[in-house]
């Protein structure tokens, strides 16, 4: 299974915000830290705000921070919310996709694999990903958070 860049960037933004703690982060800071496009990040940050993962502050001195504690943000939930389609094959998401769909063992195996993938992610929170906080902060060019 391959996740989209939107999900990749969403997880990076959340990890950055977790490493920064209560201090506000800007899209420019995140883009520079990961060497990724600010335009893409703007959409991702907007979506994370809509989903309730980030609080955004507009205006001069504004930015973003986590809207809830990092240990309350499940990685599986973030992936489900940011991925448009988790079906690894068309038959998992569309009825009548294939002639053998009703009796295909592959469909069942891939469905089980997808559920297993998400079950593993459900065991992790953002706090787990940001646990090496000092090292993460240093790698991202942040002062100790």
N, C-alpha and C. Protein backbone atom coordinates (compact mmCIF):
# COMPACT_ATOMS: atom_id res chain seq x y z
N UNK A 1 0.85 -1.17 0.00
CA UNK A 1 0.00 0.00 0.00
C UNK A 1 0.89 1.23 0.00
N UNK A 2 0.53 2.19 -0.79
CA UNK A 2 1.27 3.45 -0.85
C UNK A 2 0.33 4.58 -0.46
N UNK A 3 0.76 5.37 0.51
CA UNK A 3 -0.03 6.51 0.95
C UNK A 3 0.26 7.70 0.04
N UNK A 4 -0.70 8.60 -0.06
CA UNK A 4 -0.54 9.78 -0.89
C UNK A 4 0.38 10.79 -0.22
N UNK A 5 0.86 11.74 -1.02
CA UNK A 5 1.67 12.83 -0.46
C UNK A 5 0.88 13.64 0.55
N UNK A 6 -0.42 13.76 0.35
CA UNK A 6 -1.24 14.50 1.30
C UNK A 6 -1.13 13.88 2.69
N UNK A 7 -1.20 12.58 2.78
CA UNK A 7 -1.09 11.90 4.07
C UNK A 7 0.33 12.01 4.61
N UNK A 8 1.31 11.83 3.76
CA UNK A 8 2.71 11.98 4.16
C UNK A 8 2.93 13.37 4.77
N UNK A 9 2.49 14.39 4.06
CA UNK A 9 2.68 15.76 4.53
C UNK A 9 1.87 16.03 5.80
N UNK A 10 0.68 15.46 5.88
CA UNK A 10 -0.14 15.65 7.09
C UNK A 10 0.58 15.09 8.31
N UNK A 11 1.15 13.91 8.17
CA UNK A 11 1.88 13.31 9.29
C UNK A 11 3.12 14.12 9.64
N UNK A 12 3.80 14.64 8.63
CA UNK A 12 4.98 15.48 8.90
C UNK A 12 4.60 16.77 9.62
N UNK A 13 3.54 17.41 9.16
CA UNK A 13 3.07 18.65 9.81
C UNK A 13 2.74 18.37 11.28
N UNK A 14 2.02 17.30 11.52
CA UNK A 14 1.64 16.97 12.89
C UNK A 14 2.86 16.66 13.75
N UNK A 15 3.84 15.94 13.20
CA UNK A 15 5.05 15.65 13.94
C UNK A 15 5.83 16.94 14.25
N UNK A 16 5.88 17.85 13.28
CA UNK A 16 6.56 19.12 13.49
C UNK A 16 5.87 19.90 14.61
N UNK A 17 4.54 19.98 14.53
CA UNK A 17 3.79 20.70 15.56
C UNK A 17 3.98 20.07 16.93
N UNK A 18 4.02 18.75 16.97
CA UNK A 18 4.24 18.06 18.25
C UNK A 18 5.63 18.36 18.79
N UNK A 19 6.62 18.39 17.92
CA UNK A 19 7.99 18.68 18.35
C UNK A 19 8.11 20.13 18.84
N UNK A 20 7.32 21.02 18.26
CA UNK A 20 7.38 22.43 18.63
C UNK A 20 6.62 22.71 19.92
N UNK A 21 5.74 21.81 20.30
CA UNK A 21 4.99 21.99 21.55
C UNK A 21 3.91 23.04 21.42
N UNK A 22 3.76 23.87 22.42
CA UNK A 22 2.70 24.89 22.43
C UNK A 22 3.01 26.09 21.54
N UNK A 23 4.27 26.21 21.13
CA UNK A 23 4.65 27.34 20.28
C UNK A 23 4.02 27.21 18.89
N UNK A 24 3.67 28.32 18.30
CA UNK A 24 3.09 28.31 16.96
C UNK A 24 4.14 27.95 15.92
N UNK A 25 3.72 27.25 14.91
CA UNK A 25 4.55 26.91 13.76
C UNK A 25 3.94 27.59 12.55
N UNK A 26 4.76 27.88 11.56
CA UNK A 26 4.24 28.44 10.31
C UNK A 26 4.43 27.43 9.19
N UNK A 27 3.65 27.61 8.15
CA UNK A 27 3.77 26.75 6.98
C UNK A 27 5.17 26.89 6.39
N UNK A 28 5.70 28.10 6.38
CA UNK A 28 7.05 28.33 5.87
C UNK A 28 8.10 27.56 6.65
N UNK A 29 7.96 27.51 7.96
CA UNK A 29 8.91 26.76 8.79
C UNK A 29 8.86 25.27 8.46
N UNK A 30 7.66 24.75 8.36
CA UNK A 30 7.50 23.32 8.07
C UNK A 30 8.04 23.01 6.67
N UNK A 31 7.72 23.86 5.71
CA UNK A 31 8.19 23.66 4.34
C UNK A 31 9.72 23.66 4.30
N UNK A 32 10.33 24.59 5.01
CA UNK A 32 11.80 24.66 5.03
C UNK A 32 12.40 23.45 5.74
N UNK A 33 11.80 23.04 6.84
CA UNK A 33 12.33 21.92 7.61
C UNK A 33 12.33 20.62 6.80
N UNK A 34 11.31 20.43 5.98
CA UNK A 34 11.18 19.19 5.21
C UNK A 34 11.52 19.36 3.73
N UNK A 35 11.83 20.61 3.32
CA UNK A 35 12.13 20.91 1.93
C UNK A 35 10.99 20.47 1.01
N UNK A 36 9.79 20.94 1.35
CA UNK A 36 8.61 20.62 0.55
C UNK A 36 7.85 21.91 0.22
N UNK A 37 6.95 21.83 -0.72
CA UNK A 37 6.21 22.97 -1.24
C UNK A 37 5.25 23.59 -0.22
N UNK A 38 5.34 24.92 -0.08
CA UNK A 38 4.40 25.62 0.79
C UNK A 38 2.98 25.53 0.25
N UNK A 39 2.84 25.53 -1.07
CA UNK A 39 1.49 25.46 -1.67
C UNK A 39 0.80 24.17 -1.27
N UNK A 40 1.52 23.05 -1.33
CA UNK A 40 0.92 21.78 -0.92
C UNK A 40 0.59 21.80 0.57
N UNK A 41 1.49 22.36 1.36
CA UNK A 41 1.29 22.38 2.80
C UNK A 41 0.07 23.22 3.20
N UNK A 42 -0.18 24.29 2.45
CA UNK A 42 -1.34 25.14 2.77
C UNK A 42 -2.62 24.32 2.73
N UNK A 43 -2.76 23.48 1.71
CA UNK A 43 -3.96 22.64 1.59
C UNK A 43 -4.01 21.62 2.72
N UNK A 44 -2.87 21.04 3.03
CA UNK A 44 -2.81 20.02 4.08
C UNK A 44 -3.14 20.62 5.44
N UNK A 45 -2.56 21.77 5.74
CA UNK A 45 -2.81 22.43 7.02
C UNK A 45 -4.28 22.83 7.13
N UNK A 46 -4.84 23.33 6.04
CA UNK A 46 -6.26 23.69 6.05
C UNK A 46 -7.11 22.46 6.37
N UNK A 47 -6.81 21.35 5.74
CA UNK A 47 -7.56 20.11 5.97
C UNK A 47 -7.39 19.63 7.41
N UNK A 48 -6.16 19.67 7.93
CA UNK A 48 -5.93 19.25 9.31
C UNK A 48 -6.68 20.14 10.30
N UNK A 49 -6.82 21.40 9.96
CA UNK A 49 -7.63 22.31 10.79
C UNK A 49 -9.10 21.93 10.74
N UNK A 50 -9.60 21.62 9.54
CA UNK A 50 -10.99 21.19 9.40
C UNK A 50 -11.27 19.92 10.18
N UNK A 51 -10.30 19.03 10.19
CA UNK A 51 -10.46 17.75 10.88
C UNK A 51 -10.30 17.87 12.40
N UNK A 52 -9.87 19.03 12.87
CA UNK A 52 -9.72 19.25 14.30
C UNK A 52 -8.38 18.83 14.89
N UNK A 53 -7.41 18.55 14.03
CA UNK A 53 -6.08 18.18 14.51
C UNK A 53 -5.21 19.41 14.81
N UNK A 54 -5.44 20.50 14.07
CA UNK A 54 -4.67 21.72 14.25
C UNK A 54 -5.58 22.89 14.57
N UNK A 55 -5.05 23.80 15.36
CA UNK A 55 -5.67 25.10 15.58
C UNK A 55 -4.82 26.11 14.81
N UNK A 56 -5.47 26.95 14.03
CA UNK A 56 -4.72 27.94 13.28
C UNK A 56 -5.03 29.34 13.80
N UNK A 57 -4.00 30.18 13.80
CA UNK A 57 -4.13 31.56 14.25
C UNK A 57 -3.75 32.44 13.08
N UNK A 58 -4.65 33.29 12.66
CA UNK A 58 -4.42 34.15 11.51
C UNK A 58 -3.71 35.43 11.91
N UNK A 59 -3.14 36.07 10.90
CA UNK A 59 -2.56 37.39 11.10
C UNK A 59 -1.09 37.36 11.47
N UNK A 60 -0.56 38.57 11.70
CA UNK A 60 0.84 38.71 12.06
C UNK A 60 1.11 37.96 13.36
N UNK A 61 2.15 37.18 13.36
CA UNK A 61 2.46 36.38 14.54
C UNK A 61 1.62 35.12 14.64
N UNK A 62 0.84 34.83 13.60
CA UNK A 62 -0.02 33.66 13.61
C UNK A 62 0.73 32.40 13.24
N UNK A 63 -0.01 31.34 13.15
CA UNK A 63 0.57 30.04 12.81
C UNK A 63 -0.38 28.93 13.17
N UNK A 64 0.18 27.81 13.52
CA UNK A 64 -0.63 26.64 13.85
C UNK A 64 0.01 25.90 15.01
N UNK A 65 -0.83 25.15 15.71
CA UNK A 65 -0.37 24.25 16.77
C UNK A 65 -1.37 23.12 16.88
N UNK A 66 -0.99 22.09 17.59
CA UNK A 66 -1.91 20.98 17.78
C UNK A 66 -3.17 21.45 18.50
N UNK A 67 -4.31 20.96 18.08
CA UNK A 67 -5.58 21.33 18.70
C UNK A 67 -5.90 20.47 19.91
N UNK A 68 -5.18 19.36 20.05
CA UNK A 68 -5.38 18.46 21.18
C UNK A 68 -4.04 17.81 21.51
N UNK A 69 -3.94 17.17 22.64
CA UNK A 69 -2.67 16.54 22.99
C UNK A 69 -2.25 15.48 21.97
N UNK A 70 -0.95 15.37 21.78
CA UNK A 70 -0.41 14.42 20.80
C UNK A 70 -0.83 12.99 21.10
N UNK A 71 -1.03 12.67 22.37
CA UNK A 71 -1.43 11.29 22.70
C UNK A 71 -2.91 11.02 22.41
N UNK A 72 -3.64 12.06 21.99
CA UNK A 72 -5.05 11.88 21.62
C UNK A 72 -5.23 11.79 20.10
N UNK A 73 -4.14 11.88 19.36
CA UNK A 73 -4.21 11.84 17.90
C UNK A 73 -3.70 10.48 17.43
N UNK A 74 -4.63 9.64 16.99
CA UNK A 74 -4.29 8.31 16.50
C UNK A 74 -3.81 8.36 15.07
N UNK A 75 -2.72 7.69 14.80
CA UNK A 75 -2.15 7.70 13.45
C UNK A 75 -3.08 7.02 12.45
N UNK A 76 -3.70 5.93 12.85
CA UNK A 76 -4.66 5.27 11.96
C UNK A 76 -5.81 6.20 11.59
N UNK A 77 -6.28 6.98 12.55
CA UNK A 77 -7.37 7.92 12.28
C UNK A 77 -6.93 9.01 11.31
N UNK A 78 -5.70 9.49 11.46
CA UNK A 78 -5.19 10.52 10.54
C UNK A 78 -5.11 9.95 9.13
N UNK A 79 -4.60 8.74 9.00
CA UNK A 79 -4.49 8.12 7.68
C UNK A 79 -5.87 7.93 7.06
N UNK A 80 -6.82 7.43 7.83
CA UNK A 80 -8.18 7.25 7.29
C UNK A 80 -8.79 8.58 6.86
N UNK A 81 -8.52 9.65 7.62
CA UNK A 81 -9.11 10.95 7.33
C UNK A 81 -8.46 11.64 6.14
N UNK A 82 -7.20 11.36 5.87
CA UNK A 82 -6.49 12.07 4.81
C UNK A 82 -6.40 11.30 3.50
N UNK A 83 -6.59 9.99 3.56
CA UNK A 83 -6.57 9.18 2.34
C UNK A 83 -7.97 9.14 1.74
N UNK A 84 -8.07 9.43 0.47
CA UNK A 84 -9.37 9.38 -0.19
C UNK A 84 -9.81 7.94 -0.44
N UNK A 85 -8.85 7.06 -0.69
CA UNK A 85 -9.19 5.68 -1.05
C UNK A 85 -8.12 4.75 -0.53
N UNK A 86 -8.48 3.89 0.39
CA UNK A 86 -7.52 2.92 0.93
C UNK A 86 -7.59 1.57 0.23
N UNK A 87 -8.41 1.47 -0.79
CA UNK A 87 -8.53 0.21 -1.53
C UNK A 87 -7.29 0.03 -2.39
N UNK A 88 -6.55 -1.06 -2.17
CA UNK A 88 -5.34 -1.30 -2.95
C UNK A 88 -5.65 -1.79 -4.36
N UNK A 89 -6.84 -2.32 -4.56
CA UNK A 89 -7.32 -2.70 -5.89
C UNK A 89 -8.74 -2.19 -6.06
N UNK A 90 -9.12 -1.97 -7.29
CA UNK A 90 -10.45 -1.45 -7.57
C UNK A 90 -11.58 -2.28 -7.01
N UNK A 91 -11.37 -3.59 -6.92
CA UNK A 91 -12.45 -4.48 -6.46
C UNK A 91 -12.77 -4.27 -4.98
N UNK A 92 -11.86 -3.67 -4.22
CA UNK A 92 -12.14 -3.44 -2.80
C UNK A 92 -13.02 -2.22 -2.59
N UNK A 93 -13.10 -1.37 -3.58
CA UNK A 93 -13.89 -0.16 -3.41
C UNK A 93 -15.06 -0.01 -4.35
N UNK A 94 -15.17 -0.91 -5.33
CA UNK A 94 -16.22 -0.77 -6.33
C UNK A 94 -16.95 -2.10 -6.54
N UNK A 95 -18.27 -2.07 -6.44
CA UNK A 95 -19.02 -3.30 -6.77
C UNK A 95 -18.95 -3.55 -8.28
N UNK A 96 -19.03 -4.78 -8.66
CA UNK A 96 -19.01 -5.18 -10.08
C UNK A 96 -17.76 -4.69 -10.82
N UNK A 97 -16.64 -4.66 -10.12
CA UNK A 97 -15.39 -4.23 -10.74
C UNK A 97 -14.81 -5.30 -11.66
N UNK A 98 -14.99 -6.54 -11.25
CA UNK A 98 -14.35 -7.66 -11.96
C UNK A 98 -15.32 -8.84 -12.05
N UNK A 99 -15.18 -9.61 -13.08
CA UNK A 99 -16.04 -10.75 -13.33
C UNK A 99 -16.02 -11.78 -12.19
N UNK A 100 -14.89 -11.97 -11.53
CA UNK A 100 -14.78 -12.98 -10.48
C UNK A 100 -14.84 -12.39 -9.07
N UNK A 101 -15.22 -11.16 -8.98
CA UNK A 101 -15.19 -10.45 -7.71
C UNK A 101 -15.95 -11.16 -6.59
N UNK A 102 -17.07 -11.74 -6.89
CA UNK A 102 -17.88 -12.39 -5.88
C UNK A 102 -17.25 -13.64 -5.28
N UNK A 103 -16.32 -14.24 -5.98
CA UNK A 103 -15.71 -15.49 -5.48
C UNK A 103 -14.20 -15.39 -5.36
N UNK A 104 -13.65 -14.24 -5.50
CA UNK A 104 -12.19 -14.06 -5.55
C UNK A 104 -11.57 -14.07 -4.15
N UNK A 105 -10.63 -14.96 -3.95
CA UNK A 105 -9.91 -15.04 -2.67
C UNK A 105 -8.93 -13.89 -2.52
N UNK A 106 -8.43 -13.35 -3.62
CA UNK A 106 -7.50 -12.23 -3.56
C UNK A 106 -8.15 -11.01 -2.92
N UNK A 107 -9.40 -10.76 -3.25
CA UNK A 107 -10.12 -9.62 -2.67
C UNK A 107 -10.16 -9.74 -1.15
N UNK A 108 -10.46 -10.93 -0.65
CA UNK A 108 -10.51 -11.13 0.79
C UNK A 108 -9.14 -10.95 1.44
N UNK A 109 -8.11 -11.47 0.78
CA UNK A 109 -6.75 -11.37 1.33
C UNK A 109 -6.29 -9.91 1.37
N UNK A 110 -6.57 -9.16 0.31
CA UNK A 110 -6.16 -7.76 0.28
C UNK A 110 -6.97 -6.91 1.25
N UNK A 111 -8.24 -7.23 1.41
CA UNK A 111 -9.05 -6.54 2.40
C UNK A 111 -8.52 -6.78 3.81
N UNK A 112 -8.14 -8.03 4.09
CA UNK A 112 -7.58 -8.37 5.39
C UNK A 112 -6.24 -7.65 5.60
N UNK A 113 -5.43 -7.59 4.57
CA UNK A 113 -4.13 -6.91 4.67
C UNK A 113 -4.32 -5.42 4.95
N UNK A 114 -5.28 -4.81 4.29
CA UNK A 114 -5.55 -3.39 4.52
C UNK A 114 -6.02 -3.16 5.96
N UNK A 115 -6.92 -4.02 6.43
CA UNK A 115 -7.38 -3.91 7.82
C UNK A 115 -6.22 -4.10 8.80
N UNK A 116 -5.32 -5.02 8.49
CA UNK A 116 -4.15 -5.25 9.34
C UNK A 116 -3.22 -4.05 9.36
N UNK A 117 -3.01 -3.45 8.20
CA UNK A 117 -2.19 -2.25 8.07
C UNK A 117 -2.74 -1.14 8.97
N UNK A 118 -4.03 -0.92 8.87
CA UNK A 118 -4.66 0.13 9.68
C UNK A 118 -4.68 -0.23 11.16
N UNK A 119 -4.82 -1.51 11.47
CA UNK A 119 -4.81 -1.95 12.88
C UNK A 119 -3.46 -1.65 13.52
N UNK A 120 -2.39 -1.85 12.78
CA UNK A 120 -1.06 -1.51 13.32
C UNK A 120 -0.96 0.00 13.55
N UNK A 121 -1.39 0.79 12.59
CA UNK A 121 -1.33 2.25 12.75
C UNK A 121 -2.21 2.71 13.92
N UNK A 122 -3.30 2.01 14.16
CA UNK A 122 -4.19 2.36 15.27
C UNK A 122 -3.51 2.18 16.63
N UNK A 123 -2.45 1.42 16.68
CA UNK A 123 -1.74 1.22 17.95
C UNK A 123 -0.81 2.40 18.28
N UNK A 124 -0.64 3.33 17.35
CA UNK A 124 0.28 4.44 17.53
C UNK A 124 -0.46 5.77 17.60
N UNK A 125 0.09 6.66 18.41
CA UNK A 125 -0.42 8.03 18.47
C UNK A 125 0.67 8.97 17.99
N UNK A 126 0.31 10.21 17.80
CA UNK A 126 1.29 11.22 17.43
C UNK A 126 2.37 11.33 18.51
N UNK A 127 1.99 11.15 19.76
CA UNK A 127 2.98 11.19 20.84
C UNK A 127 4.04 10.11 20.65
N UNK A 128 3.65 8.94 20.15
CA UNK A 128 4.62 7.88 19.88
C UNK A 128 5.60 8.30 18.79
N UNK A 129 5.09 8.93 17.74
CA UNK A 129 5.96 9.36 16.64
C UNK A 129 6.88 10.49 17.05
N UNK A 130 6.43 11.30 17.99
CA UNK A 130 7.21 12.46 18.43
C UNK A 130 7.96 12.17 19.73
N UNK A 131 7.98 10.90 20.16
CA UNK A 131 8.61 10.54 21.43
C UNK A 131 10.07 10.95 21.53
N UNK A 132 10.86 10.77 20.48
CA UNK A 132 12.24 11.26 20.59
C UNK A 132 12.26 12.77 20.35
N UNK A 133 11.51 13.49 21.19
CA UNK A 133 11.22 14.91 20.95
C UNK A 133 12.48 15.76 20.78
N UNK A 134 13.46 15.58 21.63
CA UNK A 134 14.67 16.38 21.52
C UNK A 134 15.38 16.10 20.20
N UNK A 135 15.54 14.82 19.87
CA UNK A 135 16.19 14.46 18.61
C UNK A 135 15.40 14.94 17.42
N UNK A 136 14.09 14.82 17.49
CA UNK A 136 13.22 15.28 16.40
C UNK A 136 13.35 16.78 16.25
N UNK A 137 13.30 17.51 17.36
CA UNK A 137 13.42 18.96 17.32
C UNK A 137 14.77 19.37 16.71
N UNK A 138 15.83 18.69 17.08
CA UNK A 138 17.14 19.01 16.54
C UNK A 138 17.21 18.71 15.04
N UNK A 139 16.66 17.58 14.62
CA UNK A 139 16.67 17.20 13.21
C UNK A 139 15.87 18.19 12.37
N UNK A 140 14.86 18.80 12.97
CA UNK A 140 14.02 19.75 12.25
C UNK A 140 14.52 21.19 12.40
N UNK A 141 15.62 21.37 13.09
CA UNK A 141 16.18 22.71 13.25
C UNK A 141 15.45 23.56 14.27
N UNK A 142 14.78 22.92 15.22
CA UNK A 142 14.07 23.64 16.26
C UNK A 142 14.93 23.71 17.52
N UNK A 143 14.77 24.78 18.25
CA UNK A 143 15.41 24.79 19.57
C UNK A 143 14.63 23.83 20.46
N UNK A 144 15.20 23.41 21.55
CA UNK A 144 14.53 22.45 22.45
C UNK A 144 13.14 22.94 22.76
N UNK A 145 12.17 22.07 22.53
CA UNK A 145 10.76 22.45 22.73
C UNK A 145 10.32 22.08 24.13
